[in-house]
Amino acid sequence: MKIELIIELTIAPGVNPYRGEQTDPSEVEWFEDHLLADELILHSNLIGSEVGTVRVVKRSAT
């Protein structure tokens, strides 16, 4: 089964590589290559298991 979702991802402060003047290009590259990759695992703490995968279709930052 496939369900399309439009989501908003709030990045935790300790993980956020976008820090204005302090931005490290290598951290941004790693973040985008690994955490905004084609497929991410969607995990539910409620059930304690993987729910499925999320495929990144479009990215935009605000």
PDB file of N, CA and C in Angstrom:
ATOM      1  N   MET A   1       0.842  -1.169   0.000  1.00  0.00           N
ATOM      2  CA  MET A   1       0.000   0.000   0.000  1.00  0.00           C
ATOM      3  C   MET A   1       0.892   1.239   0.000  1.00  0.00           C
ATOM      4  N   LYS A   2       0.489   2.276  -0.700  1.00  0.00           N
ATOM      5  CA  LYS A   2       1.253   3.511  -0.780  1.00  0.00           C
ATOM      6  C   LYS A   2       0.334   4.680  -0.463  1.00  0.00           C
ATOM      7  N   ILE A   3       0.769   5.554   0.443  1.00  0.00           N
ATOM      8  CA  ILE A   3       0.019   6.757   0.809  1.00  0.00           C
ATOM      9  C   ILE A   3       0.946   7.950   0.570  1.00  0.00           C
ATOM     10  N   GLU A   4       0.466   8.972  -0.139  1.00  0.00           N
ATOM     11  CA  GLU A   4       1.267  10.176  -0.338  1.00  0.00           C
ATOM     12  C   GLU A   4       1.048  11.132   0.819  1.00  0.00           C
ATOM     13  N   LEU A   5       2.157  11.654   1.370  1.00  0.00           N
ATOM     14  CA  LEU A   5       2.107  12.600   2.477  1.00  0.00           C
ATOM     15  C   LEU A   5       2.888  13.855   2.103  1.00  0.00           C
ATOM     16  N   ILE A   6       2.437  14.989   2.562  1.00  0.00           N
ATOM     17  CA  ILE A   6       3.225  16.208   2.514  1.00  0.00           C
ATOM     18  C   ILE A   6       3.577  16.491   3.962  1.00  0.00           C
ATOM     19  N   ILE A   7       4.871  16.533   4.259  1.00  0.00           N
ATOM     20  CA  ILE A   7       5.288  16.685   5.648  1.00  0.00           C
ATOM     21  C   ILE A   7       6.165  17.917   5.820  1.00  0.00           C
ATOM     22  N   GLU A   8       6.264  18.358   7.060  1.00  0.00           N
ATOM     23  CA  GLU A   8       7.190  19.414   7.434  1.00  0.00           C
ATOM     24  C   GLU A   8       8.140  18.793   8.448  1.00  0.00           C
ATOM     25  N   LEU A   9       9.422  18.874   8.182  1.00  0.00           N
ATOM     26  CA  LEU A   9      10.435  18.302   9.060  1.00  0.00           C
ATOM     27  C   LEU A   9      11.065  19.418   9.880  1.00  0.00           C
ATOM     28  N   THR A  10      10.944  19.333  11.199  1.00  0.00           N
ATOM     29  CA  THR A  10      11.619  20.271  12.086  1.00  0.00           C
ATOM     30  C   THR A  10      12.896  19.594  12.549  1.00  0.00           C
ATOM     31  N   ILE A  11      14.015  20.204  12.244  1.00  0.00           N
ATOM     32  CA  ILE A  11      15.310  19.609  12.542  1.00  0.00           C
ATOM     33  C   ILE A  11      15.729  19.985  13.962  1.00  0.00           C
ATOM     34  N   ALA A  12      16.121  18.997  14.743  1.00  0.00           N
ATOM     35  CA  ALA A  12      16.576  19.234  16.110  1.00  0.00           C
ATOM     36  C   ALA A  12      17.825  20.122  16.092  1.00  0.00           C
ATOM     37  N   PRO A  13      17.947  21.041  17.053  1.00  0.00           N
ATOM     38  CA  PRO A  13      19.082  21.976  17.066  1.00  0.00           C
ATOM     39  C   PRO A  13      20.452  21.294  17.002  1.00  0.00           C
ATOM     40  N   GLY A  14      20.611  20.173  17.654  1.00  0.00           N
ATOM     41  CA  GLY A  14      21.901  19.483  17.640  1.00  0.00           C
ATOM     42  C   GLY A  14      22.227  18.803  16.326  1.00  0.00           C
ATOM     43  N   VAL A  15      21.261  18.703  15.429  1.00  0.00           N
ATOM     44  CA  VAL A  15      21.446  18.023  14.153  1.00  0.00           C
ATOM     45  C   VAL A  15      21.486  19.014  12.997  1.00  0.00           C
ATOM     46  N   ASN A  16      20.973  20.208  13.201  1.00  0.00           N
ATOM     47  CA  ASN A  16      20.814  21.195  12.139  1.00  0.00           C
ATOM     48  C   ASN A  16      22.152  21.724  11.624  1.00  0.00           C
ATOM     49  N   PRO A  17      22.508  21.438  10.360  1.00  0.00           N
ATOM     50  CA  PRO A  17      23.774  21.931   9.824  1.00  0.00           C
ATOM     51  C   PRO A  17      23.673  23.349   9.266  1.00  0.00           C
ATOM     52  N   TYR A  18      22.462  23.894   9.150  1.00  0.00           N
ATOM     53  CA  TYR A  18      22.265  25.218   8.566  1.00  0.00           C
ATOM     54  C   TYR A  18      22.314  26.266   9.678  1.00  0.00           C
ATOM     55  N   ARG A  19      23.491  26.844   9.903  1.00  0.00           N
ATOM     56  CA  ARG A  19      23.670  27.760  11.017  1.00  0.00           C
ATOM     57  C   ARG A  19      24.162  29.130  10.554  1.00  0.00           C
ATOM     58  N   GLY A  20      23.662  29.623   9.461  1.00  0.00           N
ATOM     59  CA  GLY A  20      24.072  30.932   8.978  1.00  0.00           C
ATOM     60  C   GLY A  20      25.553  30.990   8.680  1.00  0.00           C
ATOM     61  N   GLU A  21      26.241  31.949   9.290  1.00  0.00           N
ATOM     62  CA  GLU A  21      27.668  32.139   9.045  1.00  0.00           C
ATOM     63  C   GLU A  21      28.514  30.975   9.551  1.00  0.00           C
ATOM     64  N   GLN A  22      27.994  30.204  10.497  1.00  0.00           N
ATOM     65  CA  GLN A  22      28.738  29.074  11.056  1.00  0.00           C
ATOM     66  C   GLN A  22      28.502  27.783  10.286  1.00  0.00           C
ATOM     67  N   THR A  23      27.783  27.851   9.176  1.00  0.00           N
ATOM     68  CA  THR A  23      27.476  26.661   8.388  1.00  0.00           C
ATOM     69  C   THR A  23      28.749  26.029   7.843  1.00  0.00           C
ATOM     70  N   ASP A  24      28.880  24.741   8.043  1.00  0.00           N
ATOM     71  CA  ASP A  24      30.012  23.980   7.527  1.00  0.00           C
ATOM     72  C   ASP A  24      29.522  23.228   6.285  1.00  0.00           C
ATOM     73  N   PRO A  25      30.048  23.548   5.103  1.00  0.00           N
ATOM     74  CA  PRO A  25      29.573  22.905   3.873  1.00  0.00           C
ATOM     75  C   PRO A  25      29.642  21.376   3.908  1.00  0.00           C
ATOM     76  N   SER A  26      30.649  20.805   4.582  1.00  0.00           N
ATOM     77  CA  SER A  26      30.741  19.341   4.640  1.00  0.00           C
ATOM     78  C   SER A  26      29.624  18.745   5.490  1.00  0.00           C
ATOM     79  N   GLU A  27      29.189  19.472   6.562  1.00  0.00           N
ATOM     80  CA  GLU A  27      28.069  19.005   7.384  1.00  0.00           C
ATOM     81  C   GLU A  27      26.767  19.070   6.593  1.00  0.00           C
ATOM     82  N   VAL A  28      26.589  20.128   5.828  1.00  0.00           N
ATOM     83  CA  VAL A  28      25.384  20.264   5.001  1.00  0.00           C
ATOM     84  C   VAL A  28      25.339  19.145   3.966  1.00  0.00           C
ATOM     85  N   GLU A  29      26.477  18.877   3.324  1.00  0.00           N
ATOM     86  CA  GLU A  29      26.538  17.806   2.321  1.00  0.00           C
ATOM     87  C   GLU A  29      26.190  16.456   2.947  1.00  0.00           C
ATOM     88  N   TRP A  30      26.759  16.144   4.119  1.00  0.00           N
ATOM     89  CA  TRP A  30      26.462  14.880   4.793  1.00  0.00           C
ATOM     90  C   TRP A  30      24.974  14.801   5.142  1.00  0.00           C
ATOM     91  N   PHE A  31      24.445  15.888   5.710  1.00  0.00           N
ATOM     92  CA  PHE A  31      23.035  15.930   6.111  1.00  0.00           C
ATOM     93  C   PHE A  31      22.123  15.670   4.917  1.00  0.00           C
ATOM     94  N   GLU A  32      22.372  16.366   3.819  1.00  0.00           N
ATOM     95  CA  GLU A  32      21.516  16.218   2.650  1.00  0.00           C
ATOM     96  C   GLU A  32      21.673  14.850   1.988  1.00  0.00           C
ATOM     97  N   ASP A  33      22.892  14.313   1.975  1.00  0.00           N
ATOM     98  CA  ASP A  33      23.131  13.008   1.356  1.00  0.00           C
ATOM     99  C   ASP A  33      22.581  11.851   2.180  1.00  0.00           C
ATOM    100  N   HIS A  34      22.569  11.992   3.511  1.00  0.00           N
ATOM    101  CA  HIS A  34      22.165  10.871   4.361  1.00  0.00           C
ATOM    102  C   HIS A  34      20.780  11.028   4.984  1.00  0.00           C
ATOM    103  N   LEU A  35      20.467  12.211   5.485  1.00  0.00           N
ATOM    104  CA  LEU A  35      19.189  12.387   6.166  1.00  0.00           C
ATOM    105  C   LEU A  35      18.079  12.865   5.243  1.00  0.00           C
ATOM    106  N   LEU A  36      18.439  13.448   4.124  1.00  0.00           N
ATOM    107  CA  LEU A  36      17.429  13.840   3.132  1.00  0.00           C
ATOM    108  C   LEU A  36      17.612  13.000   1.884  1.00  0.00           C
ATOM    109  N   ALA A  37      18.004  11.768   2.084  1.00  0.00           N
ATOM    110  CA  ALA A  37      18.259  10.846   0.986  1.00  0.00           C
ATOM    111  C   ALA A  37      16.954  10.453   0.306  1.00  0.00           C
ATOM    112  N   ASP A  38      17.072   9.622  -0.724  1.00  0.00           N
ATOM    113  CA  ASP A  38      15.899   9.209  -1.481  1.00  0.00           C
ATOM    114  C   ASP A  38      14.866   8.508  -0.614  1.00  0.00           C
ATOM    115  N   GLU A  39      15.315   7.654   0.311  1.00  0.00           N
ATOM    116  CA  GLU A  39      14.372   6.947   1.167  1.00  0.00           C
ATOM    117  C   GLU A  39      14.833   7.024   2.619  1.00  0.00           C
ATOM    118  N   LEU A  40      13.902   7.364   3.484  1.00  0.00           N
ATOM    119  CA  LEU A  40      14.148   7.416   4.921  1.00  0.00           C
ATOM    120  C   LEU A  40      13.249   6.406   5.605  1.00  0.00           C
ATOM    121  N   ILE A  41      13.696   5.877   6.716  1.00  0.00           N
ATOM    122  CA  ILE A  41      12.879   4.946   7.477  1.00  0.00           C
ATOM    123  C   ILE A  41      11.980   5.746   8.413  1.00  0.00           C
ATOM    124  N   LEU A  42      10.692   5.481   8.352  1.00  0.00           N
ATOM    125  CA  LEU A  42       9.721   6.114   9.241  1.00  0.00           C
ATOM    126  C   LEU A  42       9.497   5.173  10.422  1.00  0.00           C
ATOM    127  N   HIS A  43       9.844   5.640  11.617  1.00  0.00           N
ATOM    128  CA  HIS A  43       9.761   4.819  12.824  1.00  0.00           C
ATOM    129  C   HIS A  43       8.724   5.418  13.764  1.00  0.00           C
ATOM    130  N   SER A  44       7.944   4.580  14.401  1.00  0.00           N
ATOM    131  CA  SER A  44       6.961   5.036  15.379  1.00  0.00           C
ATOM    132  C   SER A  44       7.408   4.636  16.777  1.00  0.00           C
ATOM    133  N   ASN A  45       7.574   5.624  17.643  1.00  0.00           N
ATOM    134  CA  ASN A  45       7.879   5.319  19.037  1.00  0.00           C
ATOM    135  C   ASN A  45       6.673   4.704  19.729  1.00  0.00           C
ATOM    136  N   LEU A  46       5.481   5.013  19.238  1.00  0.00           N
ATOM    137  CA  LEU A  46       4.261   4.481  19.826  1.00  0.00           C
ATOM    138  C   LEU A  46       4.207   2.955  19.715  1.00  0.00           C
ATOM    139  N   ILE A  47       4.523   2.440  18.523  1.00  0.00           N
ATOM    140  CA  ILE A  47       4.495   0.979  18.351  1.00  0.00           C
ATOM    141  C   ILE A  47       5.881   0.359  18.478  1.00  0.00           C
ATOM    142  N   GLY A  48       6.908   1.213  18.546  1.00  0.00           N
ATOM    143  CA  GLY A  48       8.271   0.718  18.727  1.00  0.00           C
ATOM    144  C   GLY A  48       8.813  -0.038  17.542  1.00  0.00           C
ATOM    145  N   SER A  49       8.407   0.370  16.345  1.00  0.00           N
ATOM    146  CA  SER A  49       8.838  -0.353  15.160  1.00  0.00           C
ATOM    147  C   SER A  49       8.818   0.547  13.931  1.00  0.00           C
ATOM    148  N   GLU A  50       9.384   0.027  12.865  1.00  0.00           N
ATOM    149  CA  GLU A  50       9.365   0.721  11.584  1.00  0.00           C
ATOM    150  C   GLU A  50       7.961   0.672  10.998  1.00  0.00           C
ATOM    151  N   VAL A  51       7.498   1.812  10.504  1.00  0.00           N
ATOM    152  CA  VAL A  51       6.181   1.888   9.873  1.00  0.00           C
ATOM    153  C   VAL A  51       6.320   1.682   8.368  1.00  0.00           C
ATOM    154  N   GLY A  52       7.392   2.191   7.806  1.00  0.00           N
ATOM    155  CA  GLY A  52       7.629   2.088   6.372  1.00  0.00           C
ATOM    156  C   GLY A  52       8.761   3.016   5.979  1.00  0.00           C
ATOM    157  N   THR A  53       8.842   3.333   4.699  1.00  0.00           N
ATOM    158  CA  THR A  53       9.862   4.250   4.227  1.00  0.00           C
ATOM    159  C   THR A  53       9.205   5.500   3.653  1.00  0.00           C
ATOM    160  N   VAL A  54       9.934   6.592   3.717  1.00  0.00           N
ATOM    161  CA  VAL A  54       9.481   7.863   3.172  1.00  0.00           C
ATOM    162  C   VAL A  54      10.457   8.210   2.047  1.00  0.00           C
ATOM    163  N   ARG A  55       9.946   8.510   0.882  1.00  0.00           N
ATOM    164  CA  ARG A  55      10.766   8.893  -0.252  1.00  0.00           C
ATOM    165  C   ARG A  55      10.681  10.405  -0.422  1.00  0.00           C
ATOM    166  N   VAL A  56      11.832  11.064  -0.494  1.00  0.00           N
ATOM    167  CA  VAL A  56      11.870  12.501  -0.667  1.00  0.00           C
ATOM    168  C   VAL A  56      11.549  12.813  -2.129  1.00  0.00           C
ATOM    169  N   VAL A  57      10.466  13.558  -2.343  1.00  0.00           N
ATOM    170  CA  VAL A  57      10.030  13.908  -3.687  1.00  0.00           C
ATOM    171  C   VAL A  57      10.467  15.325  -4.044  1.00  0.00           C
ATOM    172  N   LYS A  58      10.354  16.231  -3.072  1.00  0.00           N
ATOM    173  CA  LYS A  58      10.678  17.633  -3.292  1.00  0.00           C
ATOM    174  C   LYS A  58      11.172  18.219  -1.983  1.00  0.00           C
ATOM    175  N   ARG A  59      12.175  19.092  -2.067  1.00  0.00           N
ATOM    176  CA  ARG A  59      12.706  19.744  -0.872  1.00  0.00           C
ATOM    177  C   ARG A  59      12.610  21.254  -1.022  1.00  0.00           C
ATOM    178  N   SER A  60      12.279  21.917   0.067  1.00  0.00           N
ATOM    179  CA  SER A  60      12.369  23.376   0.130  1.00  0.00           C
ATOM    180  C   SER A  60      12.619  23.746   1.587  1.00  0.00           C
ATOM    181  N   ALA A  61      13.370  24.789   1.803  1.00  0.00           N
ATOM    182  CA  ALA A  61      13.692  25.217   3.168  1.00  0.00           C
ATOM    183  C   ALA A  61      13.130  26.606   3.405  1.00  0.00           C
ATOM    184  N   THR A  62      12.711  26.837   4.644  1.00  0.00           N
ATOM    185  CA  THR A  62      12.229  28.159   5.015  1.00  0.00           C
ATOM    186  C   THR A  62      13.001  28.693   6.188  1.00  0.00           C
TER     187      THR A  62
END
